[in-house]
Amino acid sequence: MRSTVLRQHDAESPQRIGERELFEAVSCLLCGAHDESPFISAEDDLTGRPGRFTFVRCNHCGLIYQSPRLTLDGIKPFYDEEYLAHRRRTDWGWLSPLFAAAMNSLDREKLRITGRYVRLLKSSTVLDVGCGAGTFLERVRRECGAHVVGVDFVDLSKQPALRKTEFHCGLFYDQAIGLARFDLITMWHFLEHDYDPLRSLEHARDALKPDGRLIIEVPRLDSLTFRLFGNRWPGLQAPQHTALYDRHLLLETVSQAGLEVEDYLPYGAFPPYFYLFCGVAFKVLKGRGLNFRTAIYPYFAGQLLLLPLLPLIKRLNMAMQTVVCRRAH
C-alpha cells in the first residue's frame, strides 16, 4: 500500500506537541495524485482551539481531503476524554437520562439498519470500527447474543459498555482481527477520520466472511446542511476529519477497495438534527467552540419543538449517507 505522506513541515497549528508543531502534507487518499486545488478552510468549531485547517480537492479524482493535516501524534489530543463519542452516559449531570435516551435511540437505529441486511445470531461475530464508548456493541451483544469486537484509536477498554467486548486499540489496519471472520462490520462515522481509508476498507474486506456485510455511515458533502453552513458545516469537523465524501466519491472509494455495493441510503442512523443545531451554533459562535454542557439544554429543547418534523427531515438528504457492501466476487 502506498504511503500518503509526502513531507513533514511546520505550519500554523492548533496544538503544540512539546516544543514543535507537527503537520504533514499528503497526496490524495483515493488515487494518490499530488495535484490538488484549495477547497475550503475550516476552524475547530467544536472546541474553539485556535488554528485553521485546509481541505483540498484532488484535480484527478475529485476527492476532498485535508492537507496539510496533523500527524498521528498531533491529532491524539483531539480525541481526549471530552470527545463526544468517548464520553460516558453518566457525564451529563441531571441531564444524563436525556443523553442516555438519545444514545439509546441512536444505537437502536443502528441495529434497525443492520437488521435489514444481516440476521445476527448467537453464532454471529460483529466488529465495530471506531467503536467509541462501545454502547452499540453492548446492545448487539445483549439483544442478539453475538460475539462483539471493537477497535478504536484511543484506549477505551475501561468504558463500562466494553467490559465484555474483545477490544483492540490502535489504527484499524494494524490490528490482527482475523481473516473471513465477521458476519458484520460497521463503520459508524469512522471513514472520514481515517488516515488511510483505502487500506482500512481493504482490511475490512479481508475480515468479512464470504456472505458478510460492511456498513459505512459518513457525513454527506453534497447535502443540504453543507449548502446551508459552508465552512461552518459540522461535517468538516476539523482537524479530525481527513476526507469528505459526496455520494459519488463514497461509492468510488468502496469500489476501489474491492467491495461491491449492495445498497445506498441517503440518510444514516445519526440524527440530521444534530447537524442543523450545530451548524446554527457554529455560525453564531464563529470558532469560539461549543460547550456541550450548556448547549445540551437548547439542543433538546429544539429537538422537542421539531419532533413532528424529524421523520421527514431524515429522508431529505440533510447530512448523512450510508452504504452497505459485501466482498466483490
Protein backbone atom coordinates (compact mmCIF):
# COMPACT_ATOMS: atom_id res chain seq x y z
CA MET A 1 0.00 0.00 0.00
CA ARG A 2 1.31 3.38 -0.99
CA SER A 3 2.13 5.90 1.72
CA THR A 4 0.12 9.10 1.54
CA VAL A 5 2.68 11.17 3.45
CA LEU A 6 4.79 13.44 1.27
CA ARG A 7 6.66 15.55 3.75
CA GLN A 8 6.54 16.94 7.27
CA HIS A 9 6.76 20.67 7.87
CA ASP A 10 5.92 23.40 10.30
CA ALA A 11 2.63 25.24 9.81
CA GLU A 12 0.19 27.32 11.77
CA SER A 13 -1.13 24.74 14.24
CA PRO A 14 -3.91 24.42 16.79
CA GLN A 15 -1.94 22.13 19.05
CA ARG A 16 1.67 22.13 20.22
CA ILE A 17 3.34 18.77 20.78
CA GLY A 18 6.25 19.54 23.09
CA GLU A 19 8.19 22.41 21.52
CA ARG A 20 7.09 21.95 17.90
CA GLU A 21 4.05 21.70 15.72
CA LEU A 22 3.51 18.54 13.70
CA PHE A 23 1.82 18.71 10.31
CA GLU A 24 2.18 16.60 7.20
CA ALA A 25 1.19 17.21 3.60
CA VAL A 26 -0.45 14.21 1.95
CA SER A 27 -1.27 13.02 -1.52
CA CYS A 28 -4.84 12.13 -2.48
CA LEU A 29 -6.23 9.45 -0.17
CA LEU A 30 -8.05 7.81 -3.08
CA CYS A 31 -5.89 7.97 -6.21
CA GLY A 32 -2.52 9.03 -4.78
CA ALA A 33 -2.18 12.08 -7.04
CA HIS A 34 -0.13 15.06 -5.88
CA ASP A 35 -2.15 17.64 -7.80
CA GLU A 36 -4.79 19.49 -5.75
CA SER A 37 -6.66 22.78 -5.50
CA PRO A 38 -7.91 24.60 -2.38
CA PHE A 39 -11.49 23.70 -1.49
CA ILE A 40 -12.39 25.15 1.91
CA SER A 41 -10.75 26.37 5.10
CA ALA A 42 -12.22 25.45 8.49
CA GLU A 43 -11.73 26.06 12.20
CA ASP A 44 -12.15 23.72 15.15
CA ASP A 45 -15.74 24.80 15.79
CA LEU A 46 -16.30 22.05 18.35
CA THR A 47 -13.69 23.03 20.93
CA GLY A 48 -12.65 26.50 19.77
CA ARG A 49 -8.94 25.69 19.73
CA PRO A 50 -7.04 28.19 17.54
CA GLY A 51 -5.90 27.38 14.03
CA ARG A 52 -7.27 26.93 10.54
CA PHE A 53 -7.30 23.73 8.52
CA THR A 54 -7.34 23.40 4.75
CA PHE A 55 -9.31 20.91 2.71
CA VAL A 56 -8.23 20.48 -0.90
CA ARG A 57 -9.83 18.88 -3.96
CA CYS A 58 -7.85 16.31 -5.94
CA ASN A 59 -7.64 17.52 -9.55
CA HIS A 60 -7.63 13.92 -10.79
CA CYS A 61 -10.38 12.04 -8.93
CA GLY A 62 -12.18 14.90 -7.14
CA LEU A 63 -11.81 13.64 -3.56
CA ILE A 64 -11.87 16.35 -0.89
CA TYR A 65 -9.27 15.74 1.81
CA GLN A 66 -7.34 17.67 4.44
CA SER A 67 -3.80 18.68 3.56
CA PRO A 68 -1.66 19.53 5.36
CA ARG A 69 -3.03 17.62 8.31
CA LEU A 70 -1.85 16.90 11.82
CA THR A 71 0.32 13.82 12.18
CA LEU A 72 -0.95 10.89 14.23
CA ASP A 73 0.91 12.22 17.26
CA GLY A 74 -0.54 15.65 16.66
CA ILE A 75 -4.15 14.50 16.35
CA LYS A 76 -4.23 12.39 19.53
CA PRO A 77 -5.06 15.29 21.90
CA PHE A 78 -8.23 15.97 19.89
CA TYR A 79 -9.60 12.57 20.96
CA ASP A 80 -9.39 13.16 24.70
CA GLU A 81 -11.98 12.20 27.31
CA GLU A 82 -14.06 15.25 26.39
CA TYR A 83 -14.53 13.99 22.83
CA LEU A 84 -18.26 13.40 22.44
CA ALA A 85 -18.09 9.78 21.25
CA HIS A 86 -15.84 8.86 24.19
CA ARG A 87 -18.00 10.23 26.99
CA ARG A 88 -19.94 8.01 29.33
CA ARG A 89 -23.69 8.44 29.52
CA THR A 90 -23.44 9.48 33.16
CA ASP A 91 -21.20 12.50 32.45
CA TRP A 92 -24.06 14.98 31.96
CA GLY A 93 -25.31 15.64 35.48
CA TRP A 94 -29.08 15.72 35.88
CA LEU A 95 -29.42 15.64 32.07
CA SER A 96 -27.70 12.25 31.91
CA PRO A 97 -31.03 10.42 31.42
CA LEU A 98 -31.78 12.59 28.38
CA PHE A 99 -28.33 12.00 26.91
CA ALA A 100 -28.65 8.26 27.59
CA ALA A 101 -32.05 8.23 25.88
CA ALA A 102 -30.57 9.95 22.82
CA MET A 103 -27.71 7.44 22.63
CA ASN A 104 -30.11 4.53 23.12
CA SER A 105 -32.18 5.84 20.23
CA LEU A 106 -29.06 6.09 18.05
CA ASP A 107 -27.98 2.55 18.87
CA ARG A 108 -31.47 1.22 18.20
CA GLU A 109 -31.45 2.90 14.80
CA LYS A 110 -28.05 1.40 14.00
CA LEU A 111 -29.34 -2.05 14.89
CA ARG A 112 -32.50 -1.46 12.85
CA ILE A 113 -30.45 -0.59 9.77
CA THR A 114 -28.09 -3.54 10.15
CA GLY A 115 -31.05 -5.86 10.71
CA ARG A 116 -32.28 -5.17 7.19
CA TYR A 117 -29.16 -6.78 5.72
CA VAL A 118 -27.76 -9.21 8.31
CA ARG A 119 -29.54 -11.60 10.65
CA LEU A 120 -27.46 -11.59 13.82
CA LEU A 121 -27.49 -14.76 15.92
CA LYS A 122 -25.57 -16.09 18.91
CA SER A 123 -23.16 -17.66 16.43
CA SER A 124 -22.51 -14.31 14.71
CA THR A 125 -19.40 -12.19 15.14
CA VAL A 126 -19.66 -8.40 14.82
CA LEU A 127 -16.89 -5.79 14.53
CA ASP A 128 -17.43 -2.08 15.12
CA VAL A 129 -14.54 0.04 13.80
CA GLY A 130 -14.19 3.30 15.71
CA CYS A 131 -16.41 1.87 18.44
CA GLY A 132 -16.06 4.80 20.85
CA ALA A 133 -17.64 4.11 24.22
CA GLY A 134 -18.98 0.79 22.92
CA THR A 135 -22.70 1.21 23.52
CA PHE A 136 -23.70 -0.11 20.09
CA LEU A 137 -21.71 -3.30 20.59
CA GLU A 138 -23.19 -3.68 24.06
CA ARG A 139 -26.68 -3.55 22.53
CA VAL A 140 -25.74 -6.08 19.83
CA ARG A 141 -24.38 -8.47 22.44
CA ARG A 142 -27.36 -8.01 24.76
CA GLU A 143 -30.12 -8.27 22.13
CA CYS A 144 -28.59 -10.71 19.66
CA GLY A 145 -26.12 -12.68 21.77
CA ALA A 146 -23.41 -12.21 19.14
CA HIS A 147 -19.70 -12.10 19.91
CA VAL A 148 -18.64 -8.47 19.61
CA VAL A 149 -15.29 -6.88 18.76
CA GLY A 150 -14.37 -3.20 18.90
CA VAL A 151 -11.46 -1.17 17.55
CA ASP A 152 -10.64 2.41 18.45
CA PHE A 153 -7.67 4.74 18.08
CA VAL A 154 -7.91 5.55 21.82
CA ASP A 155 -7.71 3.01 24.65
CA LEU A 156 -11.32 2.90 25.84
CA SER A 157 -11.14 -0.60 27.28
CA LYS A 158 -12.26 0.64 30.72
CA GLN A 159 -15.53 2.00 29.40
CA PRO A 160 -18.40 0.13 31.11
CA ALA A 161 -20.03 -0.87 27.81
CA LEU A 162 -16.81 -2.52 26.59
CA ARG A 163 -16.23 -4.81 29.57
CA LYS A 164 -17.48 -7.90 27.70
CA THR A 165 -16.09 -6.83 24.34
CA GLU A 166 -12.94 -8.02 22.58
CA PHE A 167 -11.26 -4.64 22.28
CA HIS A 168 -8.31 -3.63 20.06
CA CYS A 169 -6.58 -0.26 20.43
CA GLY A 170 -4.75 1.48 17.62
CA LEU A 171 -5.01 2.03 13.89
CA PHE A 172 -7.58 -0.32 12.43
CA TYR A 173 -5.45 -1.56 9.54
CA ASP A 174 -2.71 -2.54 12.02
CA GLN A 175 -4.99 -4.82 14.07
CA ALA A 176 -4.75 -8.62 13.81
CA ILE A 177 -8.50 -9.25 13.79
CA GLY A 178 -8.52 -12.36 11.60
CA LEU A 179 -9.48 -13.25 8.05
CA ALA A 180 -13.02 -14.08 6.85
CA ARG A 181 -14.16 -13.88 10.47
CA PHE A 182 -17.03 -11.39 10.65
CA ASP A 183 -20.68 -11.59 9.70
CA LEU A 184 -20.99 -7.84 10.10
CA ILE A 185 -18.51 -4.97 10.22
CA THR A 186 -19.75 -1.46 10.92
CA MET A 187 -18.03 1.89 10.47
CA TRP A 188 -20.32 4.50 12.01
CA HIS A 189 -18.57 7.81 11.31
CA PHE A 190 -15.13 6.28 11.13
CA LEU A 191 -14.03 6.53 7.50
CA GLU A 192 -13.98 10.34 7.43
CA HIS A 193 -11.48 10.22 10.34
CA ASP A 194 -9.20 7.58 8.82
CA TYR A 195 -5.66 8.38 7.75
CA ASP A 196 -5.61 5.70 5.03
CA PRO A 197 -9.22 4.86 4.13
CA LEU A 198 -8.45 2.51 1.22
CA ARG A 199 -6.14 0.44 3.41
CA SER A 200 -8.81 0.27 6.14
CA LEU A 201 -11.51 -0.78 3.69
CA GLU A 202 -9.27 -3.49 2.23
CA HIS A 203 -8.55 -4.71 5.77
CA ALA A 204 -12.29 -4.83 6.47
CA ARG A 205 -12.94 -6.63 3.17
CA ASP A 206 -10.47 -9.36 4.08
CA ALA A 207 -12.01 -9.72 7.55
CA LEU A 208 -15.54 -10.29 6.18
CA LYS A 209 -16.98 -13.74 5.75
CA PRO A 210 -17.93 -14.50 2.12
CA ASP A 211 -21.56 -13.62 2.92
CA GLY A 212 -20.74 -10.88 5.45
CA ARG A 213 -21.68 -7.21 5.19
CA LEU A 214 -19.81 -3.96 5.77
CA ILE A 215 -21.98 -0.96 6.66
CA ILE A 216 -20.45 2.51 6.47
CA GLU A 217 -22.02 5.80 7.55
CA VAL A 218 -20.31 9.15 6.86
CA PRO A 219 -21.37 12.79 6.53
CA ARG A 220 -22.57 13.63 3.02
CA LEU A 221 -20.77 16.53 1.38
CA ASP A 222 -23.44 17.01 -1.30
CA SER A 223 -26.12 17.59 1.34
CA LEU A 224 -28.45 20.39 2.30
CA THR A 225 -26.61 21.17 5.54
CA PHE A 226 -23.30 21.70 3.72
CA ARG A 227 -25.02 24.13 1.35
CA LEU A 228 -26.54 25.90 4.35
CA PHE A 229 -23.45 26.21 6.55
CA GLY A 230 -20.40 26.08 4.24
CA ASN A 231 -17.20 26.49 6.24
CA ARG A 232 -19.20 26.08 9.48
CA TRP A 233 -20.66 22.74 8.37
CA PRO A 234 -20.39 20.27 11.28
CA GLY A 235 -19.30 17.57 8.82
CA LEU A 236 -15.98 19.35 8.34
CA GLN A 237 -15.05 18.74 11.98
CA ALA A 238 -11.51 19.96 11.54
CA PRO A 239 -8.95 18.71 12.28
CA GLN A 240 -10.34 15.21 12.99
CA HIS A 241 -11.98 14.65 9.60
CA THR A 242 -9.39 13.78 6.99
CA ALA A 243 -11.70 13.31 3.99
CA LEU A 244 -15.16 14.47 2.88
CA TYR A 245 -17.33 12.23 0.72
CA ASP A 246 -20.17 13.04 -1.60
CA ARG A 247 -22.28 10.16 -2.88
CA HIS A 248 -20.15 9.52 -5.98
CA LEU A 249 -16.79 9.55 -4.17
CA LEU A 250 -18.03 7.32 -1.35
CA LEU A 251 -19.21 4.69 -3.85
CA GLU A 252 -15.98 5.04 -5.84
CA THR A 253 -13.86 4.59 -2.69
CA VAL A 254 -15.54 1.35 -1.60
CA SER A 255 -15.40 0.03 -5.17
CA GLN A 256 -11.64 0.65 -5.39
CA ALA A 257 -11.20 -1.31 -2.16
CA GLY A 258 -12.67 -4.43 -3.76
CA LEU A 259 -16.14 -4.09 -2.27
CA GLU A 260 -19.47 -4.45 -4.04
CA VAL A 261 -22.27 -2.03 -3.14
CA GLU A 262 -25.49 -3.78 -2.14
CA ASP A 263 -27.44 -0.68 -1.12
CA TYR A 264 -27.07 3.06 -0.68
CA LEU A 265 -29.14 5.10 1.80
CA PRO A 266 -29.37 8.93 1.58
CA TYR A 267 -29.51 9.05 5.38
CA GLY A 268 -27.94 7.30 8.35
CA ALA A 269 -28.57 6.30 11.93
CA PHE A 270 -27.08 9.58 13.14
CA PRO A 271 -29.78 12.26 13.54
CA PRO A 272 -29.56 15.08 10.94
CA TYR A 273 -30.99 17.41 13.59
CA PHE A 274 -27.56 17.37 15.27
CA TYR A 275 -26.03 18.97 12.16
CA LEU A 276 -28.83 21.53 11.92
CA PHE A 277 -28.36 22.55 15.56
CA CYS A 278 -24.56 22.59 15.48
CA GLY A 279 -24.45 24.37 12.14
CA VAL A 280 -26.51 27.24 13.51
CA ALA A 281 -24.44 27.30 16.72
CA PHE A 282 -21.15 27.32 14.79
CA LYS A 283 -22.38 30.20 12.63
CA VAL A 284 -23.23 32.20 15.76
CA LEU A 285 -20.09 31.32 17.72
CA LYS A 286 -17.65 31.81 14.80
CA GLY A 287 -14.94 29.47 16.03
CA ARG A 288 -15.25 30.09 19.77
CA GLY A 289 -16.19 26.48 20.46
CA LEU A 290 -19.40 24.80 21.56
CA ASN A 291 -19.79 23.98 25.26
CA PHE A 292 -21.97 20.87 25.16
CA ARG A 293 -22.67 21.05 28.88
CA THR A 294 -24.62 24.26 28.32
CA ALA A 295 -25.66 23.62 24.69
CA ILE A 296 -27.41 20.42 25.69
CA TYR A 297 -30.32 22.45 27.09
CA PRO A 298 -31.26 24.29 23.87
CA TYR A 299 -30.36 21.16 21.89
CA PHE A 300 -33.05 19.05 23.50
CA ALA A 301 -35.50 21.96 23.59
CA GLY A 302 -35.12 22.43 19.83
CA GLN A 303 -35.42 18.71 19.22
CA LEU A 304 -38.68 18.67 21.15
CA LEU A 305 -40.06 21.54 19.08
CA LEU A 306 -39.14 19.83 15.81
CA LEU A 307 -40.27 16.37 16.89
CA PRO A 308 -43.16 16.14 14.38
CA LEU A 309 -40.81 17.03 11.51
CA LEU A 310 -37.88 14.76 12.40
CA PRO A 311 -39.05 11.71 10.38
CA LEU A 312 -39.40 13.93 7.29
CA ILE A 313 -36.06 15.67 7.86
CA LYS A 314 -34.29 12.31 7.97
CA ARG A 315 -35.22 11.50 4.37
CA LEU A 316 -34.30 14.85 2.80
CA ASN A 317 -30.56 14.36 2.17
CA MET A 318 -29.85 16.63 5.10
CA ALA A 319 -26.49 15.41 6.32
CA MET A 320 -25.72 11.67 6.29
CA GLN A 321 -25.28 8.75 3.92
CA THR A 322 -24.89 5.01 4.42
CA VAL A 323 -23.52 2.36 2.10
CA VAL A 324 -23.93 -1.40 2.52
CA CYS A 325 -21.17 -3.52 0.99
CA ARG A 326 -20.04 -7.09 0.52
CA ARG A 327 -16.87 -8.63 -0.83
CA ALA A 328 -16.69 -8.30 -4.61
CA HIS A 329 -16.74 -11.61 -6.45
